[in-house]
Amino acid sequence: MYKLTEQDYTQLYPYFLPSEIKKVFGERVPSVRTIQRYYKQKGYLECDAALDLIVKRSWSIADMALSHQEWSDYVADELAKRKSKLIADMKAKIKKHDVRLLTELTECSQ
C-alpha cells in the first residue's frame, strides 16, 4: 500500500491542513503530527497563514473591473479547483502504485 511521502506533503501544502490530509488519505499517512513536524522543519508557515497570504497577495493582481466580493469569490473558486485537482492527482498516483504492486504480487505468486 502506498504511503504518502514528504514530496506528497509538499505538493498538498498549503491547500490542505495536516488534519485534512489525514482525513482524506487515512492510513496512508502516519499522523497529523508527522506532517506538522515536516512543515515546521522545512520552515513553512502554518497552512492557514500561508493560504491567507496567498489570498492577500492575490489582490496585487486583482481584476479592477471586479468588485471586492467578485474577486474574493473568484480566488476562493480557484483555490477550490486547485484543491480538487490535487486530490485527484494524488489518488491517481496512489491507484497507479497500488495496481502496480498488486500486479507484481500476482506475478510473483504464479
Protein backbone atom coordinates (compact mmCIF):
# COMPACT_ATOMS: atom_id res chain seq x y z
CA MET A 1 0.00 0.00 0.00
CA TYR A 2 1.28 3.44 -0.95
CA LYS A 3 2.16 5.74 1.94
CA LEU A 4 2.32 9.48 1.32
CA THR A 5 5.85 10.84 1.19
CA GLU A 6 7.38 14.16 2.16
CA GLN A 7 7.18 15.14 -1.51
CA ASP A 8 3.44 14.45 -1.40
CA TYR A 9 3.06 16.60 1.72
CA THR A 10 4.88 19.39 -0.11
CA GLN A 11 2.52 19.11 -3.08
CA LEU A 12 -0.52 19.32 -0.81
CA TYR A 13 0.83 22.34 1.09
CA PRO A 14 -0.79 24.80 1.89
CA TYR A 15 -4.10 23.76 0.38
CA PHE A 16 -4.76 21.08 2.98
CA LEU A 17 -4.31 21.26 6.71
CA PRO A 18 -2.43 18.27 8.11
CA SER A 19 -5.70 17.09 9.71
CA GLU A 20 -7.42 17.23 6.31
CA ILE A 21 -4.60 15.19 4.74
CA LYS A 22 -5.06 12.56 7.45
CA LYS A 23 -8.84 12.59 6.98
CA VAL A 24 -8.64 12.22 3.18
CA PHE A 25 -5.78 9.72 3.00
CA GLY A 26 -6.26 7.87 6.30
CA GLU A 27 -3.80 5.07 6.95
CA ARG A 28 -1.60 6.24 4.09
CA VAL A 29 -0.40 9.00 6.46
CA PRO A 30 1.34 8.16 9.75
CA SER A 31 -0.11 11.04 11.78
CA VAL A 32 -1.12 14.68 11.70
CA ARG A 33 1.85 15.47 13.93
CA THR A 34 4.27 13.91 11.43
CA ILE A 35 3.07 16.30 8.74
CA GLN A 36 3.16 19.26 11.11
CA ARG A 37 6.75 18.45 12.07
CA TYR A 38 7.75 18.11 8.43
CA TYR A 39 6.30 21.52 7.59
CA LYS A 40 7.96 23.08 10.62
CA GLN A 41 11.37 21.52 9.75
CA LYS A 42 11.06 22.94 6.24
CA GLY A 43 10.26 26.37 7.67
CA TYR A 44 6.79 26.52 6.13
CA LEU A 45 4.16 28.83 7.52
CA GLU A 46 1.15 27.17 9.09
CA CYS A 47 -1.28 26.23 6.31
CA ASP A 48 -3.92 28.76 7.38
CA ALA A 49 -1.38 31.58 7.42
CA ALA A 50 0.04 30.54 4.04
CA LEU A 51 -3.41 30.48 2.44
CA ASP A 52 -4.22 33.85 3.96
CA LEU A 53 -1.02 35.19 2.44
CA ILE A 54 -1.95 33.80 -0.99
CA VAL A 55 -5.34 35.49 -0.80
CA LYS A 56 -3.79 38.75 0.42
CA ARG A 57 -1.18 38.75 -2.34
CA SER A 58 -3.82 37.95 -4.95
CA TRP A 59 -5.07 41.49 -4.54
CA SER A 60 -1.94 42.75 -6.30
CA ILE A 61 -3.14 41.07 -9.49
CA ALA A 62 -6.87 41.62 -8.93
CA ASP A 63 -9.02 42.47 -11.91
CA MET A 64 -10.08 46.03 -11.15
CA ALA A 65 -13.27 45.52 -13.17
CA LEU A 66 -14.48 43.10 -10.49
CA SER A 67 -15.98 44.10 -7.18
CA HIS A 68 -14.32 43.11 -3.92
CA GLN A 69 -16.84 40.28 -3.48
CA GLU A 70 -16.46 39.04 -7.07
CA TRP A 71 -12.68 38.89 -6.73
CA SER A 72 -12.92 37.13 -3.36
CA ASP A 73 -15.33 34.58 -4.87
CA TYR A 74 -13.03 34.10 -7.86
CA VAL A 75 -9.99 33.45 -5.67
CA ALA A 76 -11.96 31.06 -3.44
CA ASP A 77 -13.18 29.20 -6.53
CA GLU A 78 -9.65 28.90 -7.94
CA LEU A 79 -8.34 27.60 -4.62
CA ALA A 80 -11.14 25.02 -4.51
CA LYS A 81 -10.31 23.92 -8.07
CA ARG A 82 -6.65 23.55 -7.14
CA LYS A 83 -7.57 21.53 -4.08
CA SER A 84 -9.80 19.20 -6.15
CA LYS A 85 -7.07 18.71 -8.73
CA LEU A 86 -4.51 17.91 -6.05
CA ILE A 87 -6.78 15.25 -4.56
CA ALA A 88 -7.50 13.72 -7.97
CA ASP A 89 -3.80 13.69 -8.91
CA MET A 90 -2.77 12.16 -5.58
CA LYS A 91 -5.48 9.49 -5.76
CA ALA A 92 -4.41 8.63 -9.33
CA LYS A 93 -0.80 8.32 -8.15
CA ILE A 94 -1.87 6.06 -5.29
CA LYS A 95 -4.03 3.92 -7.57
CA LYS A 96 -1.21 3.55 -10.11
CA HIS A 97 1.20 2.49 -7.37
CA ASP A 98 -1.25 0.05 -5.78
CA VAL A 99 -2.18 -1.53 -9.13
CA ARG A 100 1.49 -1.97 -10.00
CA LEU A 101 2.16 -3.53 -6.58
CA LEU A 102 -0.81 -5.87 -6.91
CA THR A 103 0.32 -6.90 -10.40
CA GLU A 104 3.83 -7.64 -9.13
CA LEU A 105 2.48 -9.67 -6.23
CA THR A 106 0.18 -11.62 -8.53
CA GLU A 107 3.01 -12.36 -10.94
CA CYS A 108 5.28 -13.50 -8.11
CA SER A 109 2.69 -15.89 -6.75
CA GLN A 110 2.20 -17.67 -10.10
